[in-house]
């Protein structure tokens, strides 16, 4: 392979939580560009490490088990892999993404993100600017079969202080009203959190968490581990393993 090209900065935006950069780079194990979003030099997400983001959708769909058509809400656009995995299911008839940062939506529309072209041709997809936490903590105007949240680092490591109520019993009681009967809430986290798992257990008829592990392509012998949290179902639903 020829020498790798240097990392290329595509865009950046100044925000109250720091400067957010979109960049791409080459690695020896992949023929295509690796896309990354960083905040003040710290990696937020990467097209190289999207296993757990996709699994968030896959497991939520398995836990729901209902027949189509399903309506899905995704909190956080990012690079788009959670939405892509949900849209891979023919059971999903409609998927709405709520992204707080308007410039991320602009990056997608301008073709700067790896899934831009795919999403442009997806008639089931709607992307809107807004605060998904504020929406879910307010009275619902519609309900969803699946609500998939990938915004914060973890329940106790949030990008900003505001969404803290989402992770409380009071907050989850409000969120549950946005789920259609038998619906499933799924929340991504880079680490486990017993307190949030207990909140879900107390709020929903069914709850569980799933550890997702995969190897690091760039550092053989090392790897990654994230934890996914799920709540929902009905009292008659077959018990979810925890």
C-alpha atoms as a PDB file:
ATOM      1  CA  UNK A   1       0.000   0.000   0.000  1.00  0.00           C
ATOM      2  CA  UNK A   2       1.235   3.483  -0.780  1.00  0.00           C
ATOM      3  CA  UNK A   3       2.052   5.836   2.120  1.00  0.00           C
ATOM      4  CA  UNK A   4      -1.081   6.902   3.982  1.00  0.00           C
ATOM      5  CA  UNK A   5      -2.459  10.348   3.275  1.00  0.00           C
ATOM      6  CA  UNK A   6      -2.464  12.773   6.211  1.00  0.00           C
ATOM      7  CA  UNK A   7      -5.714  13.336   8.100  1.00  0.00           C
ATOM      8  CA  UNK A   8      -7.935  15.885   6.400  1.00  0.00           C
ATOM      9  CA  UNK A   9     -10.077  18.394   8.298  1.00  0.00           C
ATOM     10  CA  UNK A  10     -13.390  18.853   6.492  1.00  0.00           C
ATOM     11  CA  UNK A  11     -15.338  21.238   8.726  1.00  0.00           C
ATOM     12  CA  UNK A  12     -15.548  22.597  12.247  1.00  0.00           C
ATOM     13  CA  UNK A  13     -18.010  24.526  14.394  1.00  0.00           C
ATOM     14  CA  UNK A  14     -17.633  26.405  17.670  1.00  0.00           C
ATOM     15  CA  UNK A  15     -20.202  25.403  20.302  1.00  0.00           C
ATOM     16  CA  UNK A  16     -20.750  26.020  24.033  1.00  0.00           C
ATOM     17  CA  UNK A  17     -19.196  22.595  24.757  1.00  0.00           C
ATOM     18  CA  UNK A  18     -16.107  23.186  22.607  1.00  0.00           C
ATOM     19  CA  UNK A  19     -15.032  23.207  18.983  1.00  0.00           C
ATOM     20  CA  UNK A  20     -16.404  20.233  17.067  1.00  0.00           C
ATOM     21  CA  UNK A  21     -14.366  18.975  14.118  1.00  0.00           C
ATOM     22  CA  UNK A  22     -15.254  16.705  11.228  1.00  0.00           C
ATOM     23  CA  UNK A  23     -12.214  15.018   9.742  1.00  0.00           C
ATOM     24  CA  UNK A  24     -11.272  11.970   7.715  1.00  0.00           C
ATOM     25  CA  UNK A  25      -8.126   9.846   7.511  1.00  0.00           C
ATOM     26  CA  UNK A  26      -6.780   6.671   5.956  1.00  0.00           C
ATOM     27  CA  UNK A  27      -5.749   3.513   7.794  1.00  0.00           C
ATOM     28  CA  UNK A  28      -3.962   0.448   6.423  1.00  0.00           C
ATOM     29  CA  UNK A  29      -6.791  -2.012   7.184  1.00  0.00           C
ATOM     30  CA  UNK A  30      -9.512  -0.108   5.309  1.00  0.00           C
ATOM     31  CA  UNK A  31      -9.750   0.901   1.630  1.00  0.00           C
ATOM     32  CA  UNK A  32     -12.136   3.784   2.338  1.00  0.00           C
ATOM     33  CA  UNK A  33     -11.805   6.950   4.375  1.00  0.00           C
ATOM     34  CA  UNK A  34     -12.360   6.752   8.126  1.00  0.00           C
ATOM     35  CA  UNK A  35     -14.589   9.625   9.239  1.00  0.00           C
ATOM     36  CA  UNK A  36     -14.359  11.073  12.736  1.00  0.00           C
ATOM     37  CA  UNK A  37     -16.122  13.724  14.785  1.00  0.00           C
ATOM     38  CA  UNK A  38     -13.986  15.224  17.541  1.00  0.00           C
ATOM     39  CA  UNK A  39     -14.622  17.798  20.232  1.00  0.00           C
ATOM     40  CA  UNK A  40     -11.621  19.935  21.160  1.00  0.00           C
ATOM     41  CA  UNK A  41      -9.280  17.138  20.087  1.00  0.00           C
ATOM     42  CA  UNK A  42     -11.145  14.289  21.819  1.00  0.00           C
ATOM     43  CA  UNK A  43     -12.827  11.623  19.695  1.00  0.00           C
ATOM     44  CA  UNK A  44     -16.627  11.592  19.881  1.00  0.00           C
ATOM     45  CA  UNK A  45     -17.413   9.056  17.156  1.00  0.00           C
ATOM     46  CA  UNK A  46     -15.805   7.282  14.236  1.00  0.00           C
ATOM     47  CA  UNK A  47     -16.918   5.321  11.196  1.00  0.00           C
ATOM     48  CA  UNK A  48     -14.247   2.808  12.230  1.00  0.00           C
ATOM     49  CA  UNK A  49     -15.957   2.108  15.566  1.00  0.00           C
ATOM     50  CA  UNK A  50     -19.688   1.864  14.878  1.00  0.00           C
ATOM     51  CA  UNK A  51     -20.424  -1.649  16.157  1.00  0.00           C
ATOM     52  CA  UNK A  52     -22.299  -0.612  19.299  1.00  0.00           C
ATOM     53  CA  UNK A  53     -24.202   2.194  17.560  1.00  0.00           C
ATOM     54  CA  UNK A  54     -25.595  -0.331  15.082  1.00  0.00           C
ATOM     55  CA  UNK A  55     -26.256  -2.886  17.803  1.00  0.00           C
ATOM     56  CA  UNK A  56     -28.418  -0.337  19.620  1.00  0.00           C
ATOM     57  CA  UNK A  57     -30.909  -0.571  16.755  1.00  0.00           C
ATOM     58  CA  UNK A  58     -30.515  -4.284  16.114  1.00  0.00           C
ATOM     59  CA  UNK A  59     -31.190  -5.334  19.699  1.00  0.00           C
ATOM     60  CA  UNK A  60     -34.080  -2.888  20.108  1.00  0.00           C
ATOM     61  CA  UNK A  61     -35.746  -4.369  17.027  1.00  0.00           C
ATOM     62  CA  UNK A  62     -35.219  -7.902  18.361  1.00  0.00           C
ATOM     63  CA  UNK A  63     -36.695  -7.007  21.751  1.00  0.00           C
ATOM     64  CA  UNK A  64     -39.734  -5.364  20.163  1.00  0.00           C
ATOM     65  CA  UNK A  65     -40.568  -8.295  17.943  1.00  0.00           C
ATOM     66  CA  UNK A  66     -43.733  -6.618  16.654  1.00  0.00           C
ATOM     67  CA  UNK A  67     -45.011  -6.637  13.111  1.00  0.00           C
ATOM     68  CA  UNK A  68     -44.591  -3.671  10.769  1.00  0.00           C
ATOM     69  CA  UNK A  69     -45.107  -0.841  10.299  1.00  0.00           C
ATOM     70  CA  UNK A  70     -42.836   0.436  13.067  1.00  0.00           C
ATOM     71  CA  UNK A  71     -42.183   4.075  13.864  1.00  0.00           C
ATOM     72  CA  UNK A  72     -38.728   4.971  15.208  1.00  0.00           C
ATOM     73  CA  UNK A  73     -37.261   8.034  16.911  1.00  0.00           C
ATOM     74  CA  UNK A  74     -33.468   8.413  17.002  1.00  0.00           C
ATOM     75  CA  UNK A  75     -31.929  10.957  19.340  1.00  0.00           C
ATOM     76  CA  UNK A  76     -28.621  12.149  17.892  1.00  0.00           C
ATOM     77  CA  UNK A  77     -27.617  11.953  14.229  1.00  0.00           C
ATOM     78  CA  UNK A  78     -23.844  11.692  14.613  1.00  0.00           C
ATOM     79  CA  UNK A  79     -22.413   9.823  11.634  1.00  0.00           C
ATOM     80  CA  UNK A  80     -25.765   8.098  11.124  1.00  0.00           C
ATOM     81  CA  UNK A  81     -25.039   4.460  11.928  1.00  0.00           C
ATOM     82  CA  UNK A  82     -27.830   3.965  14.489  1.00  0.00           C
ATOM     83  CA  UNK A  83     -30.363   5.259  11.969  1.00  0.00           C
ATOM     84  CA  UNK A  84     -28.837   3.195   9.174  1.00  0.00           C
ATOM     85  CA  UNK A  85     -29.099  -0.027  11.172  1.00  0.00           C
ATOM     86  CA  UNK A  86     -32.745   0.636  11.996  1.00  0.00           C
ATOM     87  CA  UNK A  87     -33.568   1.459   8.379  1.00  0.00           C
ATOM     88  CA  UNK A  88     -31.999  -1.840   7.321  1.00  0.00           C
ATOM     89  CA  UNK A  89     -35.109  -3.529   8.757  1.00  0.00           C
ATOM     90  CA  UNK A  90     -38.114  -3.684   6.393  1.00  0.00           C
ATOM     91  CA  UNK A  91     -40.295  -3.535   9.518  1.00  0.00           C
ATOM     92  CA  UNK A  92     -39.391   0.152   9.941  1.00  0.00           C
ATOM     93  CA  UNK A  93     -41.846   2.316   8.034  1.00  0.00           C
ATOM     94  CA  UNK A  94     -40.773   5.704   9.390  1.00  0.00           C
ATOM     95  CA  UNK A  95     -37.678   6.968  11.151  1.00  0.00           C
ATOM     96  CA  UNK A  96     -37.258  10.445  12.582  1.00  0.00           C
ATOM     97  CA  UNK A  97     -33.863  11.714  13.740  1.00  0.00           C
ATOM     98  CA  UNK A  98     -33.651  14.669  16.127  1.00  0.00           C
ATOM     99  CA  UNK A  99     -30.226  16.335  16.167  1.00  0.00           C
ATOM    100  CA  UNK A 100     -29.514  19.358  18.372  1.00  0.00           C
ATOM    101  CA  UNK A 101     -26.561  20.677  16.381  1.00  0.00           C
ATOM    102  CA  UNK A 102     -27.780  22.153  13.123  1.00  0.00           C
ATOM    103  CA  UNK A 103     -24.332  22.092  11.543  1.00  0.00           C
ATOM    104  CA  UNK A 104     -24.215  18.273  11.803  1.00  0.00           C
ATOM    105  CA  UNK A 105     -27.437  18.142   9.783  1.00  0.00           C
ATOM    106  CA  UNK A 106     -25.842  20.552   7.319  1.00  0.00           C
ATOM    107  CA  UNK A 107     -22.797  18.293   6.999  1.00  0.00           C
ATOM    108  CA  UNK A 108     -25.078  15.406   6.137  1.00  0.00           C
ATOM    109  CA  UNK A 109     -27.038  17.412   3.564  1.00  0.00           C
ATOM    110  CA  UNK A 110     -23.856  18.708   1.938  1.00  0.00           C
ATOM    111  CA  UNK A 111     -22.529  15.197   1.383  1.00  0.00           C
ATOM    112  CA  UNK A 112     -19.668  15.444   3.864  1.00  0.00           C
ATOM    113  CA  UNK A 113     -20.615  12.383   5.941  1.00  0.00           C
ATOM    114  CA  UNK A 114     -20.143   8.750   4.844  1.00  0.00           C
ATOM    115  CA  UNK A 115     -23.892   8.031   4.753  1.00  0.00           C
ATOM    116  CA  UNK A 116     -24.948  11.296   3.089  1.00  0.00           C
ATOM    117  CA  UNK A 117     -25.714   9.757  -0.305  1.00  0.00           C
ATOM    118  CA  UNK A 118     -27.542   6.760   1.174  1.00  0.00           C
ATOM    119  CA  UNK A 119     -29.721   8.944   3.390  1.00  0.00           C
ATOM    120  CA  UNK A 120     -30.534  11.356   0.567  1.00  0.00           C
ATOM    121  CA  UNK A 121     -32.341   8.517  -1.237  1.00  0.00           C
ATOM    122  CA  UNK A 122     -34.161   7.178   1.870  1.00  0.00           C
ATOM    123  CA  UNK A 123     -37.858   8.121   1.736  1.00  0.00           C
ATOM    124  CA  UNK A 124     -38.606   6.760   5.225  1.00  0.00           C
ATOM    125  CA  UNK A 125     -36.107   9.116   6.883  1.00  0.00           C
ATOM    126  CA  UNK A 126     -36.791  12.542   8.396  1.00  0.00           C
ATOM    127  CA  UNK A 127     -34.008  14.584  10.025  1.00  0.00           C
ATOM    128  CA  UNK A 128     -34.959  17.585  12.136  1.00  0.00           C
ATOM    129  CA  UNK A 129     -33.133  20.021  14.390  1.00  0.00           C
ATOM    130  CA  UNK A 130     -34.122  20.019  18.042  1.00  0.00           C
ATOM    131  CA  UNK A 131     -33.451  18.851  21.592  1.00  0.00           C
ATOM    132  CA  UNK A 132     -34.525  15.216  21.893  1.00  0.00           C
ATOM    133  CA  UNK A 133     -34.290  15.301  25.689  1.00  0.00           C
ATOM    134  CA  UNK A 134     -36.591  18.309  25.935  1.00  0.00           C
ATOM    135  CA  UNK A 135     -39.033  16.604  23.576  1.00  0.00           C
ATOM    136  CA  UNK A 136     -39.096  13.352  25.535  1.00  0.00           C
ATOM    137  CA  UNK A 137     -39.484  15.077  28.898  1.00  0.00           C
ATOM    138  CA  UNK A 138     -42.485  17.076  27.631  1.00  0.00           C
ATOM    139  CA  UNK A 139     -45.975  15.632  27.068  1.00  0.00           C
ATOM    140  CA  UNK A 140     -46.016  13.551  23.862  1.00  0.00           C
ATOM    141  CA  UNK A 141     -47.631  14.710  20.641  1.00  0.00           C
ATOM    142  CA  UNK A 142     -47.011  11.291  19.061  1.00  0.00           C
ATOM    143  CA  UNK A 143     -45.669   7.910  20.139  1.00  0.00           C
ATOM    144  CA  UNK A 144     -42.989   5.596  18.750  1.00  0.00           C
ATOM    145  CA  UNK A 145     -42.381   1.876  18.704  1.00  0.00           C
ATOM    146  CA  UNK A 146     -38.655   2.403  19.211  1.00  0.00           C
ATOM    147  CA  UNK A 147     -36.801   5.305  20.810  1.00  0.00           C
ATOM    148  CA  UNK A 148     -33.028   5.070  20.283  1.00  0.00           C
ATOM    149  CA  UNK A 149     -30.814   7.527  22.180  1.00  0.00           C
ATOM    150  CA  UNK A 150     -27.122   8.030  21.406  1.00  0.00           C
ATOM    151  CA  UNK A 151     -26.205  11.481  22.656  1.00  0.00           C
ATOM    152  CA  UNK A 152     -24.243  11.451  25.932  1.00  0.00           C
ATOM    153  CA  UNK A 153     -21.059   9.576  26.769  1.00  0.00           C
ATOM    154  CA  UNK A 154     -22.837   7.834  29.657  1.00  0.00           C
ATOM    155  CA  UNK A 155     -25.654   8.505  32.156  1.00  0.00           C
ATOM    156  CA  UNK A 156     -23.130  10.012  34.572  1.00  0.00           C
ATOM    157  CA  UNK A 157     -20.880  11.553  31.896  1.00  0.00           C
ATOM    158  CA  UNK A 158     -23.082  13.892  29.905  1.00  0.00           C
ATOM    159  CA  UNK A 159     -22.117  16.370  27.212  1.00  0.00           C
ATOM    160  CA  UNK A 160     -24.031  19.083  29.065  1.00  0.00           C
ATOM    161  CA  UNK A 161     -25.737  19.203  32.480  1.00  0.00           C
ATOM    162  CA  UNK A 162     -29.271  19.799  31.197  1.00  0.00           C
ATOM    163  CA  UNK A 163     -30.272  16.219  30.246  1.00  0.00           C
ATOM    164  CA  UNK A 164     -29.681  14.851  33.754  1.00  0.00           C
ATOM    165  CA  UNK A 165     -33.410  14.520  34.456  1.00  0.00           C
ATOM    166  CA  UNK A 166     -33.716  12.042  31.572  1.00  0.00           C
ATOM    167  CA  UNK A 167     -31.841   9.464  33.653  1.00  0.00           C
ATOM    168  CA  UNK A 168     -34.017   9.829  36.769  1.00  0.00           C
ATOM    169  CA  UNK A 169     -37.227   7.958  37.727  1.00  0.00           C
ATOM    170  CA  UNK A 170     -39.216  11.140  37.102  1.00  0.00           C
ATOM    171  CA  UNK A 171     -37.622  11.601  33.701  1.00  0.00           C
ATOM    172  CA  UNK A 172     -38.144   8.032  32.598  1.00  0.00           C
ATOM    173  CA  UNK A 173     -41.784   8.166  33.672  1.00  0.00           C
ATOM    174  CA  UNK A 174     -42.158  11.050  31.203  1.00  0.00           C
ATOM    175  CA  UNK A 175     -40.183   9.244  28.468  1.00  0.00           C
ATOM    176  CA  UNK A 176     -42.320   6.119  28.794  1.00  0.00           C
ATOM    177  CA  UNK A 177     -45.376   8.094  27.689  1.00  0.00           C
ATOM    178  CA  UNK A 178     -43.724   8.564  24.276  1.00  0.00           C
ATOM    179  CA  UNK A 179     -43.646   4.808  23.643  1.00  0.00           C
ATOM    180  CA  UNK A 180     -46.470   3.040  21.850  1.00  0.00           C
ATOM    181  CA  UNK A 181     -47.778  -0.105  23.608  1.00  0.00           C
ATOM    182  CA  UNK A 182     -44.972  -2.656  23.704  1.00  0.00           C
ATOM    183  CA  UNK A 183     -42.445  -0.039  22.631  1.00  0.00           C
ATOM    184  CA  UNK A 184     -38.733  -0.152  23.434  1.00  0.00           C
ATOM    185  CA  UNK A 185     -36.375   2.555  24.687  1.00  0.00           C
ATOM    186  CA  UNK A 186     -32.665   1.992  23.935  1.00  0.00           C
ATOM    187  CA  UNK A 187     -29.843   4.144  25.323  1.00  0.00           C
ATOM    188  CA  UNK A 188     -26.160   3.993  24.323  1.00  0.00           C
ATOM    189  CA  UNK A 189     -23.357   4.412  26.869  1.00  0.00           C
ATOM    190  CA  UNK A 190     -19.610   3.925  26.791  1.00  0.00           C
ATOM    191  CA  UNK A 191     -19.739   2.448  30.314  1.00  0.00           C
ATOM    192  CA  UNK A 192     -22.042   0.523  32.618  1.00  0.00           C
ATOM    193  CA  UNK A 193     -24.221   2.313  35.150  1.00  0.00           C
ATOM    194  CA  UNK A 194     -26.098   0.360  37.826  1.00  0.00           C
ATOM    195  CA  UNK A 195     -28.150   3.366  38.932  1.00  0.00           C
ATOM    196  CA  UNK A 196     -29.650   3.927  35.474  1.00  0.00           C
ATOM    197  CA  UNK A 197     -30.275   0.204  35.037  1.00  0.00           C
ATOM    198  CA  UNK A 198     -32.262   0.281  38.285  1.00  0.00           C
ATOM    199  CA  UNK A 199     -34.293   3.288  37.076  1.00  0.00           C
ATOM    200  CA  UNK A 200     -35.250   1.374  33.930  1.00  0.00           C
ATOM    201  CA  UNK A 201     -36.135  -1.708  35.972  1.00  0.00           C
ATOM    202  CA  UNK A 202     -38.463   0.328  38.172  1.00  0.00           C
ATOM    203  CA  UNK A 203     -40.050   2.213  35.248  1.00  0.00           C
ATOM    204  CA  UNK A 204     -40.725  -0.415  32.589  1.00  0.00           C
ATOM    205  CA  UNK A 205     -42.310  -3.882  32.552  1.00  0.00           C
ATOM    206  CA  UNK A 206     -39.078  -5.227  31.046  1.00  0.00           C
ATOM    207  CA  UNK A 207     -35.492  -3.996  31.091  1.00  0.00           C
ATOM    208  CA  UNK A 208     -31.999  -5.280  30.360  1.00  0.00           C
ATOM    209  CA  UNK A 209     -28.535  -4.159  29.382  1.00  0.00           C
ATOM    210  CA  UNK A 210     -26.114  -5.512  26.816  1.00  0.00           C
ATOM    211  CA  UNK A 211     -22.326  -5.242  26.755  1.00  0.00           C
ATOM    212  CA  UNK A 212     -20.920  -4.893  23.232  1.00  0.00           C
ATOM    213  CA  UNK A 213     -17.248  -5.666  22.649  1.00  0.00           C
ATOM    214  CA  UNK A 214     -15.107  -5.623  19.522  1.00  0.00           C
ATOM    215  CA  UNK A 215     -11.383  -5.534  18.644  1.00  0.00           C
ATOM    216  CA  UNK A 216      -9.399  -2.426  17.788  1.00  0.00           C
ATOM    217  CA  UNK A 217      -8.212  -2.730  14.173  1.00  0.00           C
ATOM    218  CA  UNK A 218      -5.397  -0.262  14.734  1.00  0.00           C
ATOM    219  CA  UNK A 219      -4.053  -1.798  17.951  1.00  0.00           C
ATOM    220  CA  UNK A 220      -4.091  -5.619  17.786  1.00  0.00           C
ATOM    221  CA  UNK A 221      -4.730  -7.193  21.150  1.00  0.00           C
ATOM    222  CA  UNK A 222      -6.826  -4.301  22.441  1.00  0.00           C
ATOM    223  CA  UNK A 223     -10.484  -3.513  21.987  1.00  0.00           C
ATOM    224  CA  UNK A 224     -13.566  -1.593  22.998  1.00  0.00           C
ATOM    225  CA  UNK A 225     -16.542  -2.182  25.276  1.00  0.00           C
ATOM    226  CA  UNK A 226     -19.780  -0.196  25.424  1.00  0.00           C
ATOM    227  CA  UNK A 227     -23.030  -0.872  27.275  1.00  0.00           C
ATOM    228  CA  UNK A 228     -26.555  -0.567  25.871  1.00  0.00           C
ATOM    229  CA  UNK A 229     -29.589  -0.057  28.125  1.00  0.00           C
ATOM    230  CA  UNK A 230     -33.131  -1.140  27.217  1.00  0.00           C
ATOM    231  CA  UNK A 231     -36.543  -0.632  28.780  1.00  0.00           C
ATOM    232  CA  UNK A 232     -40.105  -1.188  27.594  1.00  0.00           C
ATOM    233  CA  UNK A 233     -42.208  -4.141  26.534  1.00  0.00           C
ATOM    234  CA  UNK A 234     -45.338  -5.238  28.367  1.00  0.00           C
ATOM    235  CA  UNK A 235     -45.970  -7.337  31.483  1.00  0.00           C
ATOM    236  CA  UNK A 236     -46.872 -10.227  29.155  1.00  0.00           C
ATOM    237  CA  UNK A 237     -43.692  -9.894  27.083  1.00  0.00           C
ATOM    238  CA  UNK A 238     -41.286 -12.813  27.370  1.00  0.00           C
ATOM    239  CA  UNK A 239     -38.734 -11.779  29.993  1.00  0.00           C
ATOM    240  CA  UNK A 240     -35.695  -9.964  28.598  1.00  0.00           C
ATOM    241  CA  UNK A 241     -32.390 -11.368  29.811  1.00  0.00           C
ATOM    242  CA  UNK A 242     -30.387  -8.804  31.796  1.00  0.00           C
END
